[in-house]
């Protein structure tokens, strides 16, 4: 699962909307210096509600959403940070068998 390489997305545009039988987490990262700040959220009730994932190995002030993802280190702020081309792991806290993953910008 990945966004389309080289494509630019509008604010609040959904980048990925997929259904999985089971998911423990996702890995996210970028080697592009044109980073983004956004949300990675999960639904376990048929897209009625969404909950943010938690970053287990991000930099920055917090490990919760929103998250800044960038190939360099020019994002600063009170949010989770996956910078410098790092691959970061976002974890879910649900045992549901059918989940919907949705990534918001």
N, C-alpha and C. Protein backbone atom coordinates (compact mmCIF):
# COMPACT_ATOMS: atom_id res chain seq x y z
N UNK A 1 0.85 -1.16 0.00
CA UNK A 1 0.00 0.00 0.00
C UNK A 1 0.90 1.23 0.00
N UNK A 2 0.69 2.13 -0.92
CA UNK A 2 1.50 3.35 -0.97
C UNK A 2 0.77 4.39 -1.80
N UNK A 3 1.15 5.63 -1.57
CA UNK A 3 0.62 6.68 -2.42
C UNK A 3 1.35 6.63 -3.76
N UNK A 4 0.80 7.29 -4.72
CA UNK A 4 1.39 7.32 -6.05
C UNK A 4 2.65 8.19 -6.05
N UNK A 5 3.81 7.64 -6.41
CA UNK A 5 5.05 8.43 -6.40
C UNK A 5 4.95 9.67 -7.28
N UNK A 6 5.42 10.79 -6.75
CA UNK A 6 5.45 12.03 -7.51
C UNK A 6 4.13 12.78 -7.58
N UNK A 7 3.06 12.21 -7.06
CA UNK A 7 1.76 12.88 -7.10
C UNK A 7 1.62 13.83 -5.91
N UNK A 8 1.05 14.99 -6.14
CA UNK A 8 0.79 15.96 -5.09
C UNK A 8 -0.69 15.89 -4.73
N UNK A 9 -1.00 15.97 -3.45
CA UNK A 9 -2.36 15.85 -2.96
C UNK A 9 -2.83 17.15 -2.34
N UNK A 10 -4.11 17.44 -2.48
CA UNK A 10 -4.71 18.63 -1.89
C UNK A 10 -4.91 18.42 -0.39
N UNK A 11 -5.05 19.51 0.35
CA UNK A 11 -5.36 19.44 1.77
C UNK A 11 -6.64 18.65 1.98
N UNK A 12 -6.61 17.72 2.93
CA UNK A 12 -7.75 16.86 3.29
C UNK A 12 -8.08 15.80 2.24
N UNK A 13 -7.29 15.69 1.18
CA UNK A 13 -7.54 14.66 0.18
C UNK A 13 -7.11 13.29 0.73
N UNK A 14 -7.96 12.29 0.54
CA UNK A 14 -7.63 10.94 0.98
C UNK A 14 -6.59 10.36 0.03
N UNK A 15 -5.51 9.84 0.58
CA UNK A 15 -4.42 9.28 -0.22
C UNK A 15 -4.58 7.77 -0.35
N UNK A 16 -4.94 7.09 0.73
CA UNK A 16 -5.14 5.65 0.72
C UNK A 16 -6.43 5.33 1.46
N UNK A 17 -7.27 4.48 0.87
CA UNK A 17 -8.52 4.05 1.50
C UNK A 17 -8.67 2.57 1.16
N UNK A 18 -8.22 1.70 2.04
CA UNK A 18 -8.18 0.27 1.78
C UNK A 18 -8.85 -0.50 2.92
N UNK A 19 -9.32 -1.70 2.61
CA UNK A 19 -9.91 -2.59 3.60
C UNK A 19 -9.00 -3.80 3.78
N UNK A 20 -8.78 -4.19 5.04
CA UNK A 20 -7.93 -5.33 5.37
C UNK A 20 -8.65 -6.22 6.37
N UNK A 21 -8.41 -7.52 6.31
CA UNK A 21 -8.98 -8.44 7.29
C UNK A 21 -8.33 -8.26 8.65
N UNK A 22 -7.06 -7.92 8.66
CA UNK A 22 -6.34 -7.71 9.92
C UNK A 22 -5.17 -6.76 9.66
N UNK A 23 -4.90 -5.91 10.62
CA UNK A 23 -3.76 -5.00 10.49
C UNK A 23 -3.21 -4.71 11.89
N UNK A 24 -1.90 -4.81 12.03
CA UNK A 24 -1.25 -4.50 13.30
C UNK A 24 -0.68 -3.08 13.29
N UNK A 25 -0.32 -2.59 12.10
CA UNK A 25 0.26 -1.27 11.97
C UNK A 25 0.70 -1.03 10.55
N UNK A 26 1.26 0.13 10.32
CA UNK A 26 1.78 0.49 8.99
C UNK A 26 3.13 1.16 9.16
N UNK A 27 3.94 1.08 8.12
CA UNK A 27 5.20 1.81 8.11
C UNK A 27 5.07 2.95 7.12
N UNK A 28 5.68 4.06 7.49
CA UNK A 28 5.56 5.27 6.69
C UNK A 28 6.92 5.95 6.64
N UNK A 29 7.20 6.63 5.54
CA UNK A 29 8.45 7.36 5.41
C UNK A 29 8.53 8.04 4.06
N UNK A 30 9.57 8.84 3.88
CA UNK A 30 9.77 9.53 2.61
C UNK A 30 11.24 9.86 2.45
N UNK A 31 11.72 9.75 1.22
CA UNK A 31 13.07 10.21 0.91
C UNK A 31 13.02 11.48 0.08
N UNK A 32 11.83 12.07 -0.04
CA UNK A 32 11.60 13.30 -0.79
C UNK A 32 11.67 14.48 0.17
N UNK A 33 12.35 15.56 -0.21
CA UNK A 33 12.47 16.73 0.65
C UNK A 33 11.21 17.60 0.67
N UNK A 34 10.20 17.24 -0.10
CA UNK A 34 8.93 17.96 -0.12
C UNK A 34 7.96 17.21 0.80
N UNK A 35 8.10 17.41 2.10
CA UNK A 35 7.36 16.64 3.10
C UNK A 35 5.91 17.04 3.22
N UNK A 36 5.23 16.36 4.13
CA UNK A 36 3.82 16.63 4.39
C UNK A 36 3.52 16.46 5.87
N UNK A 37 2.44 17.07 6.31
CA UNK A 37 1.93 16.97 7.66
C UNK A 37 0.50 16.48 7.55
N UNK A 38 0.16 15.40 8.23
CA UNK A 38 -1.18 14.87 8.10
C UNK A 38 -1.52 13.82 9.13
N UNK A 39 -2.61 13.13 8.88
CA UNK A 39 -3.15 12.12 9.78
C UNK A 39 -3.14 10.76 9.10
N UNK A 40 -2.89 9.73 9.89
CA UNK A 40 -3.11 8.35 9.46
C UNK A 40 -4.10 7.80 10.47
N UNK A 41 -5.29 7.45 9.97
CA UNK A 41 -6.38 7.07 10.86
C UNK A 41 -6.93 5.70 10.48
N UNK A 42 -7.61 5.07 11.43
CA UNK A 42 -8.12 3.72 11.29
C UNK A 42 -9.58 3.66 11.72
N UNK A 43 -10.38 2.94 10.96
CA UNK A 43 -11.77 2.71 11.34
C UNK A 43 -12.00 1.21 11.51
N UNK A 44 -12.71 0.85 12.56
CA UNK A 44 -13.08 -0.55 12.78
C UNK A 44 -14.60 -0.72 12.78
N UNK A 45 -15.32 0.32 12.39
CA UNK A 45 -16.79 0.26 12.41
C UNK A 45 -17.40 0.65 11.07
N UNK A 46 -16.76 0.23 9.99
CA UNK A 46 -17.31 0.51 8.66
C UNK A 46 -17.25 1.96 8.26
N UNK A 47 -16.21 2.67 8.67
CA UNK A 47 -15.96 4.07 8.31
C UNK A 47 -16.90 5.07 8.98
N UNK A 48 -17.55 4.66 10.07
CA UNK A 48 -18.41 5.60 10.80
C UNK A 48 -17.56 6.55 11.64
N UNK A 49 -16.52 6.02 12.27
CA UNK A 49 -15.62 6.84 13.07
C UNK A 49 -14.18 6.41 12.77
N UNK A 50 -13.24 7.30 13.04
CA UNK A 50 -11.82 7.05 12.81
C UNK A 50 -11.02 7.40 14.05
N UNK A 51 -9.95 6.63 14.29
CA UNK A 51 -9.04 6.90 15.38
C UNK A 51 -7.63 7.00 14.81
N UNK A 52 -6.81 7.92 15.34
CA UNK A 52 -5.44 8.04 14.85
C UNK A 52 -4.57 6.89 15.31
N UNK A 53 -3.56 6.56 14.52
CA UNK A 53 -2.58 5.57 14.91
C UNK A 53 -1.51 6.24 15.78
N UNK A 54 -0.73 5.44 16.48
CA UNK A 54 0.31 5.94 17.38
C UNK A 54 1.67 5.56 16.80
N UNK A 55 2.57 6.51 16.73
CA UNK A 55 3.90 6.25 16.18
C UNK A 55 4.80 5.71 17.28
N UNK A 56 5.34 4.52 17.06
CA UNK A 56 6.16 3.87 18.09
C UNK A 56 7.61 4.32 18.08
N UNK A 57 8.06 4.92 16.99
CA UNK A 57 9.48 5.28 16.89
C UNK A 57 9.72 6.62 16.20
N UNK A 58 8.77 7.54 16.36
CA UNK A 58 8.90 8.87 15.76
C UNK A 58 9.76 9.78 16.62
N UNK A 59 10.25 10.85 16.00
CA UNK A 59 10.92 11.94 16.70
C UNK A 59 9.87 12.98 17.02
N UNK A 60 10.26 14.02 17.70
CA UNK A 60 9.35 15.12 17.96
C UNK A 60 8.77 15.09 19.35
N UNK A 61 7.85 16.01 19.57
CA UNK A 61 7.30 16.24 20.89
C UNK A 61 6.36 15.13 21.35
N UNK A 62 5.67 14.51 20.43
CA UNK A 62 4.66 13.51 20.78
C UNK A 62 4.71 12.35 19.79
N UNK A 63 3.99 11.29 20.11
CA UNK A 63 3.94 10.13 19.22
C UNK A 63 2.55 9.92 18.63
N UNK A 64 1.69 10.92 18.74
CA UNK A 64 0.34 10.81 18.20
C UNK A 64 0.18 11.76 17.02
N UNK A 65 -0.89 11.60 16.29
CA UNK A 65 -1.14 12.38 15.10
C UNK A 65 -1.44 13.83 15.47
N UNK A 66 -1.18 14.78 14.57
CA UNK A 66 -0.69 14.57 13.21
C UNK A 66 0.78 14.19 13.19
N UNK A 67 1.23 13.78 12.00
CA UNK A 67 2.61 13.38 11.82
C UNK A 67 3.21 14.14 10.64
N UNK A 68 4.45 14.56 10.81
CA UNK A 68 5.20 15.18 9.71
C UNK A 68 6.11 14.11 9.13
N UNK A 69 6.08 13.95 7.81
CA UNK A 69 6.92 12.97 7.12
C UNK A 69 7.72 13.71 6.06
N UNK A 70 9.05 13.55 6.10
CA UNK A 70 9.89 14.32 5.18
C UNK A 70 11.24 13.63 5.03
N UNK A 71 11.85 13.83 3.88
CA UNK A 71 13.17 13.26 3.61
C UNK A 71 14.30 14.03 4.24
N UNK A 72 14.04 15.26 4.68
CA UNK A 72 15.08 16.03 5.38
C UNK A 72 14.57 16.36 6.78
N UNK A 73 15.09 17.40 7.40
CA UNK A 73 14.77 17.70 8.80
C UNK A 73 14.19 19.10 8.99
N UNK A 74 13.43 19.63 8.02
CA UNK A 74 12.98 21.01 8.15
C UNK A 74 11.57 21.18 8.71
N UNK A 75 10.99 20.15 9.32
CA UNK A 75 9.71 20.27 10.01
C UNK A 75 9.98 20.45 11.50
N UNK A 76 9.33 21.42 12.13
CA UNK A 76 9.39 21.55 13.58
C UNK A 76 7.99 21.82 14.09
N UNK A 77 7.71 21.38 15.27
CA UNK A 77 6.40 21.63 15.86
C UNK A 77 6.01 20.53 16.82
N UNK A 78 4.89 20.74 17.51
CA UNK A 78 4.44 19.79 18.53
C UNK A 78 3.64 18.63 17.94
N UNK A 79 4.27 17.85 17.08
CA UNK A 79 3.60 16.72 16.46
C UNK A 79 4.62 15.61 16.25
N UNK A 80 4.15 14.41 15.98
CA UNK A 80 5.04 13.30 15.68
C UNK A 80 5.83 13.62 14.42
N UNK A 81 7.09 13.19 14.37
CA UNK A 81 7.95 13.50 13.23
C UNK A 81 8.67 12.24 12.75
N UNK A 82 8.56 11.99 11.45
CA UNK A 82 9.28 10.91 10.80
C UNK A 82 10.12 11.57 9.71
N UNK A 83 11.33 11.97 10.08
CA UNK A 83 12.14 12.85 9.23
C UNK A 83 13.44 12.19 8.81
N UNK A 84 14.12 12.84 7.88
CA UNK A 84 15.44 12.40 7.45
C UNK A 84 15.44 11.09 6.68
N UNK A 85 14.34 10.77 6.02
CA UNK A 85 14.25 9.53 5.27
C UNK A 85 14.00 8.30 6.12
N UNK A 86 13.71 8.49 7.40
CA UNK A 86 13.45 7.36 8.30
C UNK A 86 12.17 6.63 7.91
N UNK A 87 12.09 5.37 8.26
CA UNK A 87 10.86 4.59 8.14
C UNK A 87 10.31 4.45 9.56
N UNK A 88 9.10 4.93 9.78
CA UNK A 88 8.50 4.92 11.11
C UNK A 88 7.32 3.95 11.14
N UNK A 89 7.08 3.39 12.32
CA UNK A 89 6.02 2.40 12.49
C UNK A 89 4.85 3.02 13.24
N UNK A 90 3.68 2.95 12.63
CA UNK A 90 2.44 3.44 13.23
C UNK A 90 1.64 2.23 13.67
N UNK A 91 1.25 2.21 14.95
CA UNK A 91 0.58 1.05 15.51
C UNK A 91 -0.89 1.32 15.78
N UNK A 92 -1.68 0.26 15.68
CA UNK A 92 -3.10 0.33 16.00
C UNK A 92 -3.33 -0.36 17.33
N UNK A 93 -4.40 -0.02 17.97
CA UNK A 93 -4.73 -0.64 19.25
C UNK A 93 -6.12 -1.25 19.18
N UNK A 94 -6.31 -2.16 18.23
CA UNK A 94 -7.60 -2.81 18.07
C UNK A 94 -7.41 -4.28 17.73
N UNK A 95 -8.34 -5.11 18.12
CA UNK A 95 -8.30 -6.53 17.80
C UNK A 95 -9.35 -6.87 16.73
N UNK A 96 -10.00 -5.86 16.16
CA UNK A 96 -11.04 -6.10 15.16
C UNK A 96 -10.45 -6.82 13.94
N UNK A 97 -11.23 -7.70 13.35
CA UNK A 97 -10.76 -8.46 12.19
C UNK A 97 -10.91 -7.70 10.88
N UNK A 98 -11.84 -6.76 10.81
CA UNK A 98 -12.01 -5.98 9.59
C UNK A 98 -11.81 -4.51 9.93
N UNK A 99 -10.81 -3.89 9.33
CA UNK A 99 -10.51 -2.50 9.60
C UNK A 99 -10.36 -1.73 8.30
N UNK A 100 -10.58 -0.46 8.37
CA UNK A 100 -10.40 0.42 7.23
C UNK A 100 -9.32 1.43 7.57
N UNK A 101 -8.32 1.50 6.72
CA UNK A 101 -7.22 2.44 6.94
C UNK A 101 -7.40 3.60 6.01
N UNK A 102 -7.31 4.78 6.57
CA UNK A 102 -7.52 5.98 5.78
C UNK A 102 -6.45 6.99 6.15
N UNK A 103 -5.77 7.55 5.18
CA UNK A 103 -4.69 8.50 5.41
C UNK A 103 -5.18 9.86 4.92
N UNK A 104 -5.27 10.80 5.84
CA UNK A 104 -5.71 12.15 5.51
C UNK A 104 -4.52 13.06 5.42
N UNK A 105 -4.57 13.97 4.51
CA UNK A 105 -3.56 15.04 4.44
C UNK A 105 -4.10 16.26 5.14
